[in-house]
Amino acid sequence: MSMGLGRRMSALGLDLWLVLSLGRMALGARDHFVRDVGILLLVAVAVVGVVTAVIVSAARCRRYDIHRHGLVLRGRRGEQVAVMLWASVDPGRIILSTPSRRVRAWTPRGLLDWATRPTIVLINGWVRGPNDLSQGRRHRYDTGTYDYPFGWWQLGVTDPVHLLTAIESAMIADGHAARGLTAAALSQSYSAGPATLAAARELERASADSVIGIAQQ
């Protein structure tokens, strides 16, 4: 049985149980009504807690390993899915996308998504892998524009300062002019949605574009 079918069967079973419980409450004795309401509330709280834990766990299970010459992006099982080389990263083309405070959908999934949505660090770099094939699409931010050799990597993190500081240190150690990268990226923070999209499109890099870099004072 596939995971998708299993989830659907579990949801169907829960729905049937809720319907039967509500019917029993409506037809049952009055002195059992309060008890049944309490049980339903406890079950609802438990289900919301489990779903929240699953979503948070899934959101945090991807790992980014910082190495001497680049960053390795890993999947949910720890497998390597893409490599972002420091040599291809423009320190001046890194922005932050902060979660919107507005709820997109007033549904259980919509509310949970709003509550667990992380800050996204967007880094412009080379997105081609071996044989010039596109790599790591699940880690990419799509601007809807022409597919240049350069694109936006999106990294969801709970502590963007820690990640940016580590990247800055690694790039400097690898011989790249990245001093001030963290402060520059933090100064380019945009709300998720149209503001982030507009900023990413403005900083889009074509193959012939030069490096913006960090202005040294």
C-alpha atoms as a PDB file:
ATOM      1  CA  MET A   1       0.000   0.000   0.000  1.00  0.00           C
ATOM      2  CA  SER A   2       1.401   3.391  -0.981  1.00  0.00           C
ATOM      3  CA  MET A   3       1.932   6.127   1.615  1.00  0.00           C
ATOM      4  CA  GLY A   4      -0.599   8.340  -0.178  1.00  0.00           C
ATOM      5  CA  LEU A   5      -3.281   5.624  -0.096  1.00  0.00           C
ATOM      6  CA  GLY A   6      -2.454   4.892   3.529  1.00  0.00           C
ATOM      7  CA  ARG A   7      -2.937   8.536   4.505  1.00  0.00           C
ATOM      8  CA  ARG A   8      -6.246   8.701   2.642  1.00  0.00           C
ATOM      9  CA  MET A   9      -7.493   5.527   4.355  1.00  0.00           C
ATOM     10  CA  SER A  10      -6.456   6.887   7.759  1.00  0.00           C
ATOM     11  CA  ALA A  11      -8.255  10.172   7.090  1.00  0.00           C
ATOM     12  CA  LEU A  12     -11.372   8.279   5.923  1.00  0.00           C
ATOM     13  CA  GLY A  13     -11.325   6.135   9.052  1.00  0.00           C
ATOM     14  CA  LEU A  14     -11.032   9.207  11.264  1.00  0.00           C
ATOM     15  CA  ASP A  15     -13.891  10.913   9.427  1.00  0.00           C
ATOM     16  CA  LEU A  16     -16.135   7.852   9.840  1.00  0.00           C
ATOM     17  CA  TRP A  17     -15.303   7.645  13.533  1.00  0.00           C
ATOM     18  CA  LEU A  18     -16.173  11.315  14.017  1.00  0.00           C
ATOM     19  CA  VAL A  19     -19.487  10.904  12.171  1.00  0.00           C
ATOM     20  CA  LEU A  20     -20.421   7.840  14.210  1.00  0.00           C
ATOM     21  CA  SER A  21     -19.424   9.597  17.429  1.00  0.00           C
ATOM     22  CA  LEU A  22     -21.532  12.652  16.595  1.00  0.00           C
ATOM     23  CA  GLY A  23     -24.486  10.380  15.775  1.00  0.00           C
ATOM     24  CA  ARG A  24     -24.088   8.562  19.071  1.00  0.00           C
ATOM     25  CA  MET A  25     -23.976  11.878  20.903  1.00  0.00           C
ATOM     26  CA  ALA A  26     -27.155  13.049  19.230  1.00  0.00           C
ATOM     27  CA  LEU A  27     -29.056   9.811  19.867  1.00  0.00           C
ATOM     28  CA  GLY A  28     -27.523   8.785  23.164  1.00  0.00           C
ATOM     29  CA  ALA A  29     -28.503   9.538  26.697  1.00  0.00           C
ATOM     30  CA  ARG A  30     -28.188  13.109  27.869  1.00  0.00           C
ATOM     31  CA  ASP A  31     -25.926  12.216  30.790  1.00  0.00           C
ATOM     32  CA  HIS A  32     -23.339  10.826  28.335  1.00  0.00           C
ATOM     33  CA  PHE A  33     -23.302  13.977  26.193  1.00  0.00           C
ATOM     34  CA  VAL A  34     -20.736  15.913  28.234  1.00  0.00           C
ATOM     35  CA  ARG A  35     -18.447  12.894  28.428  1.00  0.00           C
ATOM     36  CA  ASP A  36     -18.599  12.328  24.671  1.00  0.00           C
ATOM     37  CA  VAL A  37     -17.887  16.001  23.951  1.00  0.00           C
ATOM     38  CA  GLY A  38     -14.836  15.821  26.200  1.00  0.00           C
ATOM     39  CA  ILE A  39     -13.558  12.725  24.428  1.00  0.00           C
ATOM     40  CA  LEU A  40     -13.989  14.346  21.025  1.00  0.00           C
ATOM     41  CA  LEU A  41     -12.110  17.451  22.155  1.00  0.00           C
ATOM     42  CA  LEU A  42      -9.240  15.349  23.503  1.00  0.00           C
ATOM     43  CA  VAL A  43      -9.045  13.390  20.255  1.00  0.00           C
ATOM     44  CA  ALA A  44      -9.112  16.592  18.205  1.00  0.00           C
ATOM     45  CA  VAL A  45      -6.273  18.091  20.253  1.00  0.00           C
ATOM     46  CA  ALA A  46      -4.241  14.888  19.921  1.00  0.00           C
ATOM     47  CA  VAL A  47      -4.740  14.755  16.135  1.00  0.00           C
ATOM     48  CA  VAL A  48      -3.724  18.406  15.708  1.00  0.00           C
ATOM     49  CA  GLY A  49      -0.653  17.800  17.857  1.00  0.00           C
ATOM     50  CA  VAL A  50       0.416  14.749  15.849  1.00  0.00           C
ATOM     51  CA  VAL A  51      -0.121  16.496  12.498  1.00  0.00           C
ATOM     52  CA  THR A  52       1.822  19.545  13.704  1.00  0.00           C
ATOM     53  CA  ALA A  53       4.706  17.344  14.847  1.00  0.00           C
ATOM     54  CA  VAL A  54       4.782  15.530  11.501  1.00  0.00           C
ATOM     55  CA  ILE A  55       4.805  18.769   9.505  1.00  0.00           C
ATOM     56  CA  VAL A  56       7.514  20.335  11.656  1.00  0.00           C
ATOM     57  CA  SER A  57       9.602  17.168  11.432  1.00  0.00           C
ATOM     58  CA  ALA A  58       9.236  17.051   7.646  1.00  0.00           C
ATOM     59  CA  ALA A  59      10.163  20.719   7.363  1.00  0.00           C
ATOM     60  CA  ARG A  60      13.353  20.221   9.379  1.00  0.00           C
ATOM     61  CA  CYS A  61      14.511  16.880   8.019  1.00  0.00           C
ATOM     62  CA  ARG A  62      16.475  18.353   5.103  1.00  0.00           C
ATOM     63  CA  ARG A  63      20.102  19.044   5.910  1.00  0.00           C
ATOM     64  CA  TYR A  64      22.657  21.411   4.441  1.00  0.00           C
ATOM     65  CA  ASP A  65      26.311  20.453   4.874  1.00  0.00           C
ATOM     66  CA  ILE A  66      28.887  23.208   4.542  1.00  0.00           C
ATOM     67  CA  HIS A  67      32.206  22.067   3.073  1.00  0.00           C
ATOM     68  CA  ARG A  68      35.393  23.755   1.969  1.00  0.00           C
ATOM     69  CA  HIS A  69      34.335  24.417  -1.606  1.00  0.00           C
ATOM     70  CA  GLY A  70      30.564  24.467  -1.366  1.00  0.00           C
ATOM     71  CA  LEU A  71      27.314  23.465   0.271  1.00  0.00           C
ATOM     72  CA  VAL A  72      25.794  20.005  -0.080  1.00  0.00           C
ATOM     73  CA  LEU A  73      21.997  19.866  -0.069  1.00  0.00           C
ATOM     74  CA  ARG A  74      20.512  16.632   1.182  1.00  0.00           C
ATOM     75  CA  GLY A  75      17.078  15.073   0.910  1.00  0.00           C
ATOM     76  CA  ARG A  76      14.801  13.686   3.590  1.00  0.00           C
ATOM     77  CA  ARG A  77      16.742  10.431   3.824  1.00  0.00           C
ATOM     78  CA  GLY A  78      20.102  12.168   4.010  1.00  0.00           C
ATOM     79  CA  GLU A  79      20.974  11.501   0.385  1.00  0.00           C
ATOM     80  CA  GLN A  80      22.906  14.113  -1.581  1.00  0.00           C
ATOM     81  CA  VAL A  81      20.605  15.827  -4.079  1.00  0.00           C
ATOM     82  CA  ALA A  82      22.622  18.861  -5.169  1.00  0.00           C
ATOM     83  CA  VAL A  83      25.854  20.774  -4.651  1.00  0.00           C
ATOM     84  CA  MET A  84      26.171  24.562  -4.581  1.00  0.00           C
ATOM     85  CA  LEU A  85      29.767  25.584  -5.248  1.00  0.00           C
ATOM     86  CA  TRP A  86      31.075  28.727  -3.552  1.00  0.00           C
ATOM     87  CA  ALA A  87      32.791  29.706  -6.795  1.00  0.00           C
ATOM     88  CA  SER A  88      29.377  30.123  -8.430  1.00  0.00           C
ATOM     89  CA  VAL A  89      27.762  32.113  -5.594  1.00  0.00           C
ATOM     90  CA  ASP A  90      27.540  35.892  -5.851  1.00  0.00           C
ATOM     91  CA  PRO A  91      27.662  37.255  -2.263  1.00  0.00           C
ATOM     92  CA  GLY A  92      25.651  40.255  -3.421  1.00  0.00           C
ATOM     93  CA  ARG A  93      22.779  38.100  -4.675  1.00  0.00           C
ATOM     94  CA  ILE A  94      21.554  36.613  -1.394  1.00  0.00           C
ATOM     95  CA  ILE A  95      18.199  37.641   0.068  1.00  0.00           C
ATOM     96  CA  LEU A  96      15.839  36.544   2.830  1.00  0.00           C
ATOM     97  CA  SER A  97      12.162  35.707   2.442  1.00  0.00           C
ATOM     98  CA  THR A  98      10.291  36.035   5.724  1.00  0.00           C
ATOM     99  CA  PRO A  99       7.000  34.220   6.375  1.00  0.00           C
ATOM    100  CA  SER A 100       3.848  36.219   5.853  1.00  0.00           C
ATOM    101  CA  ARG A 101       1.740  36.859   8.951  1.00  0.00           C
ATOM    102  CA  ARG A 102      -1.392  36.419   6.877  1.00  0.00           C
ATOM    103  CA  VAL A 103      -3.105  33.026   6.807  1.00  0.00           C
ATOM    104  CA  ARG A 104      -3.585  31.874   3.218  1.00  0.00           C
ATOM    105  CA  ALA A 105      -6.314  29.340   3.983  1.00  0.00           C
ATOM    106  CA  TRP A 106      -8.432  29.025   7.121  1.00  0.00           C
ATOM    107  CA  THR A 107      -8.213  25.250   7.130  1.00  0.00           C
ATOM    108  CA  PRO A 108      -6.334  22.934   9.512  1.00  0.00           C
ATOM    109  CA  ARG A 109      -3.561  22.441   6.926  1.00  0.00           C
ATOM    110  CA  GLY A 110      -3.476  26.157   6.119  1.00  0.00           C
ATOM    111  CA  LEU A 111      -3.161  27.125   9.777  1.00  0.00           C
ATOM    112  CA  LEU A 112      -0.436  24.531  10.389  1.00  0.00           C
ATOM    113  CA  ASP A 113       1.448  25.681   7.300  1.00  0.00           C
ATOM    114  CA  TRP A 114       1.279  29.271   8.541  1.00  0.00           C
ATOM    115  CA  ALA A 115       2.496  28.273  12.008  1.00  0.00           C
ATOM    116  CA  THR A 116       5.478  26.192  10.821  1.00  0.00           C
ATOM    117  CA  ARG A 117       6.626  28.142   7.749  1.00  0.00           C
ATOM    118  CA  PRO A 118      10.361  28.972   8.147  1.00  0.00           C
ATOM    119  CA  THR A 119      12.436  31.888   6.955  1.00  0.00           C
ATOM    120  CA  ILE A 120      13.906  31.150   3.517  1.00  0.00           C
ATOM    121  CA  VAL A 121      17.450  32.072   2.535  1.00  0.00           C
ATOM    122  CA  LEU A 122      17.635  32.565  -1.242  1.00  0.00           C
ATOM    123  CA  ILE A 123      21.101  32.211  -2.755  1.00  0.00           C
ATOM    124  CA  ASN A 124      21.826  32.827  -6.415  1.00  0.00           C
ATOM    125  CA  GLY A 125      24.314  30.353  -7.814  1.00  0.00           C
ATOM    126  CA  TRP A 126      25.038  27.780 -10.493  1.00  0.00           C
ATOM    127  CA  VAL A 127      22.158  25.301 -10.766  1.00  0.00           C
ATOM    128  CA  ARG A 128      23.641  22.988 -13.370  1.00  0.00           C
ATOM    129  CA  GLY A 129      25.043  19.623 -12.427  1.00  0.00           C
ATOM    130  CA  PRO A 130      26.990  16.932 -14.309  1.00  0.00           C
ATOM    131  CA  ASN A 131      26.332  16.798 -18.061  1.00  0.00           C
ATOM    132  CA  ASP A 132      24.923  20.347 -17.798  1.00  0.00           C
ATOM    133  CA  LEU A 133      21.640  19.021 -16.381  1.00  0.00           C
ATOM    134  CA  SER A 134      19.533  20.982 -13.924  1.00  0.00           C
ATOM    135  CA  GLN A 135      19.959  19.770 -10.347  1.00  0.00           C
ATOM    136  CA  GLY A 136      18.111  20.027  -7.060  1.00  0.00           C
ATOM    137  CA  ARG A 137      14.769  21.341  -8.316  1.00  0.00           C
ATOM    138  CA  ARG A 138      13.093  20.753  -4.939  1.00  0.00           C
ATOM    139  CA  HIS A 139      15.598  23.156  -3.399  1.00  0.00           C
ATOM    140  CA  ARG A 140      15.025  25.831  -6.021  1.00  0.00           C
ATOM    141  CA  TYR A 141      12.997  29.037  -6.043  1.00  0.00           C
ATOM    142  CA  ASP A 142      11.255  29.540  -9.374  1.00  0.00           C
ATOM    143  CA  THR A 143      10.918  33.124 -10.601  1.00  0.00           C
ATOM    144  CA  GLY A 144       9.119  32.074 -13.761  1.00  0.00           C
ATOM    145  CA  THR A 145      11.756  33.715 -15.951  1.00  0.00           C
ATOM    146  CA  TYR A 146      14.222  32.321 -18.455  1.00  0.00           C
ATOM    147  CA  ASP A 147      16.203  29.343 -17.161  1.00  0.00           C
ATOM    148  CA  TYR A 148      19.712  30.749 -16.951  1.00  0.00           C
ATOM    149  CA  PRO A 149      22.663  28.613 -15.869  1.00  0.00           C
ATOM    150  CA  PHE A 150      22.292  30.554 -12.613  1.00  0.00           C
ATOM    151  CA  GLY A 151      19.224  30.238 -10.423  1.00  0.00           C
ATOM    152  CA  TRP A 152      17.963  30.634  -6.886  1.00  0.00           C
ATOM    153  CA  TRP A 153      18.589  28.034  -4.224  1.00  0.00           C
ATOM    154  CA  GLN A 154      16.074  28.210  -1.376  1.00  0.00           C
ATOM    155  CA  LEU A 155      17.085  27.009   2.074  1.00  0.00           C
ATOM    156  CA  GLY A 156      14.481  26.911   4.824  1.00  0.00           C
ATOM    157  CA  VAL A 157      16.121  27.522   8.199  1.00  0.00           C
ATOM    158  CA  THR A 158      15.160  28.349  11.772  1.00  0.00           C
ATOM    159  CA  ASP A 159      18.301  30.451  12.288  1.00  0.00           C
ATOM    160  CA  PRO A 160      19.282  32.314   9.094  1.00  0.00           C
ATOM    161  CA  VAL A 161      22.063  34.255  10.858  1.00  0.00           C
ATOM    162  CA  HIS A 162      23.818  31.011  11.806  1.00  0.00           C
ATOM    163  CA  LEU A 163      23.627  29.673   8.242  1.00  0.00           C
ATOM    164  CA  LEU A 164      24.741  32.938   6.634  1.00  0.00           C
ATOM    165  CA  THR A 165      27.646  33.323   9.050  1.00  0.00           C
ATOM    166  CA  ALA A 166      28.811  29.784   8.306  1.00  0.00           C
ATOM    167  CA  ILE A 167      28.570  30.394   4.550  1.00  0.00           C
ATOM    168  CA  GLU A 168      30.474  33.676   4.852  1.00  0.00           C
ATOM    169  CA  SER A 169      33.277  32.028   6.832  1.00  0.00           C
ATOM    170  CA  ALA A 170      33.496  29.096   4.406  1.00  0.00           C
ATOM    171  CA  MET A 171      33.612  31.354   1.335  1.00  0.00           C
ATOM    172  CA  ILE A 172      36.321  33.544   2.851  1.00  0.00           C
ATOM    173  CA  ALA A 173      38.356  30.472   3.778  1.00  0.00           C
ATOM    174  CA  ASP A 174      37.970  29.238   0.183  1.00  0.00           C
ATOM    175  CA  GLY A 175      39.458  32.485  -1.135  1.00  0.00           C
ATOM    176  CA  HIS A 176      36.303  34.380  -2.151  1.00  0.00           C
ATOM    177  CA  ALA A 177      35.556  38.042  -1.410  1.00  0.00           C
ATOM    178  CA  ALA A 178      32.587  37.400   0.869  1.00  0.00           C
ATOM    179  CA  ARG A 179      33.349  39.509   3.936  1.00  0.00           C
ATOM    180  CA  GLY A 180      30.125  41.265   4.969  1.00  0.00           C
ATOM    181  CA  LEU A 181      27.897  38.669   3.288  1.00  0.00           C
ATOM    182  CA  THR A 182      25.775  38.068   6.389  1.00  0.00           C
ATOM    183  CA  ALA A 183      25.021  41.736   7.038  1.00  0.00           C
ATOM    184  CA  ALA A 184      24.305  42.381   3.357  1.00  0.00           C
ATOM    185  CA  ALA A 185      21.876  39.459   3.131  1.00  0.00           C
ATOM    186  CA  LEU A 186      20.071  40.444   6.337  1.00  0.00           C
ATOM    187  CA  SER A 187      19.573  43.948   4.942  1.00  0.00           C
ATOM    188  CA  GLN A 188      17.741  42.444   1.950  1.00  0.00           C
ATOM    189  CA  SER A 189      14.791  40.834   3.697  1.00  0.00           C
ATOM    190  CA  TYR A 190      11.401  40.659   1.996  1.00  0.00           C
ATOM    191  CA  SER A 191       7.981  39.310   2.854  1.00  0.00           C
ATOM    192  CA  ALA A 192       7.155  35.984   1.251  1.00  0.00           C
ATOM    193  CA  GLY A 193       5.146  36.319  -1.936  1.00  0.00           C
ATOM    194  CA  PRO A 194       5.181  39.190  -4.466  1.00  0.00           C
ATOM    195  CA  ALA A 195       7.874  41.188  -2.628  1.00  0.00           C
ATOM    196  CA  THR A 196      10.312  38.262  -2.627  1.00  0.00           C
ATOM    197  CA  LEU A 197       9.511  37.435  -6.241  1.00  0.00           C
ATOM    198  CA  ALA A 198      10.143  41.024  -7.367  1.00  0.00           C
ATOM    199  CA  ALA A 199      13.461  41.183  -5.508  1.00  0.00           C
ATOM    200  CA  ALA A 200      14.619  37.834  -6.922  1.00  0.00           C
ATOM    201  CA  ARG A 201      13.745  38.881 -10.465  1.00  0.00           C
ATOM    202  CA  GLU A 202      15.608  42.169 -10.048  1.00  0.00           C
ATOM    203  CA  LEU A 203      18.737  40.322  -8.920  1.00  0.00           C
ATOM    204  CA  GLU A 204      18.428  37.538 -11.508  1.00  0.00           C
ATOM    205  CA  ARG A 205      21.821  36.663 -12.962  1.00  0.00           C
ATOM    206  CA  ALA A 206      22.439  35.767 -16.591  1.00  0.00           C
ATOM    207  CA  SER A 207      25.538  33.935 -17.775  1.00  0.00           C
ATOM    208  CA  ALA A 208      27.114  37.192 -19.012  1.00  0.00           C
ATOM    209  CA  ASP A 209      26.392  39.191 -15.842  1.00  0.00           C
ATOM    210  CA  SER A 210      29.269  40.106 -13.585  1.00  0.00           C
ATOM    211  CA  VAL A 211      29.413  39.529  -9.834  1.00  0.00           C
ATOM    212  CA  ILE A 212      27.774  42.230  -7.688  1.00  0.00           C
ATOM    213  CA  GLY A 213      29.737  41.284  -4.623  1.00  0.00           C
ATOM    214  CA  ILE A 214      29.880  43.121  -1.310  1.00  0.00           C
ATOM    215  CA  ALA A 215      30.869  46.782  -1.170  1.00  0.00           C
ATOM    216  CA  GLN A 216      33.891  47.041   1.125  1.00  0.00           C
ATOM    217  CA  GLN A 217      34.193  50.137   3.289  1.00  0.00           C
END
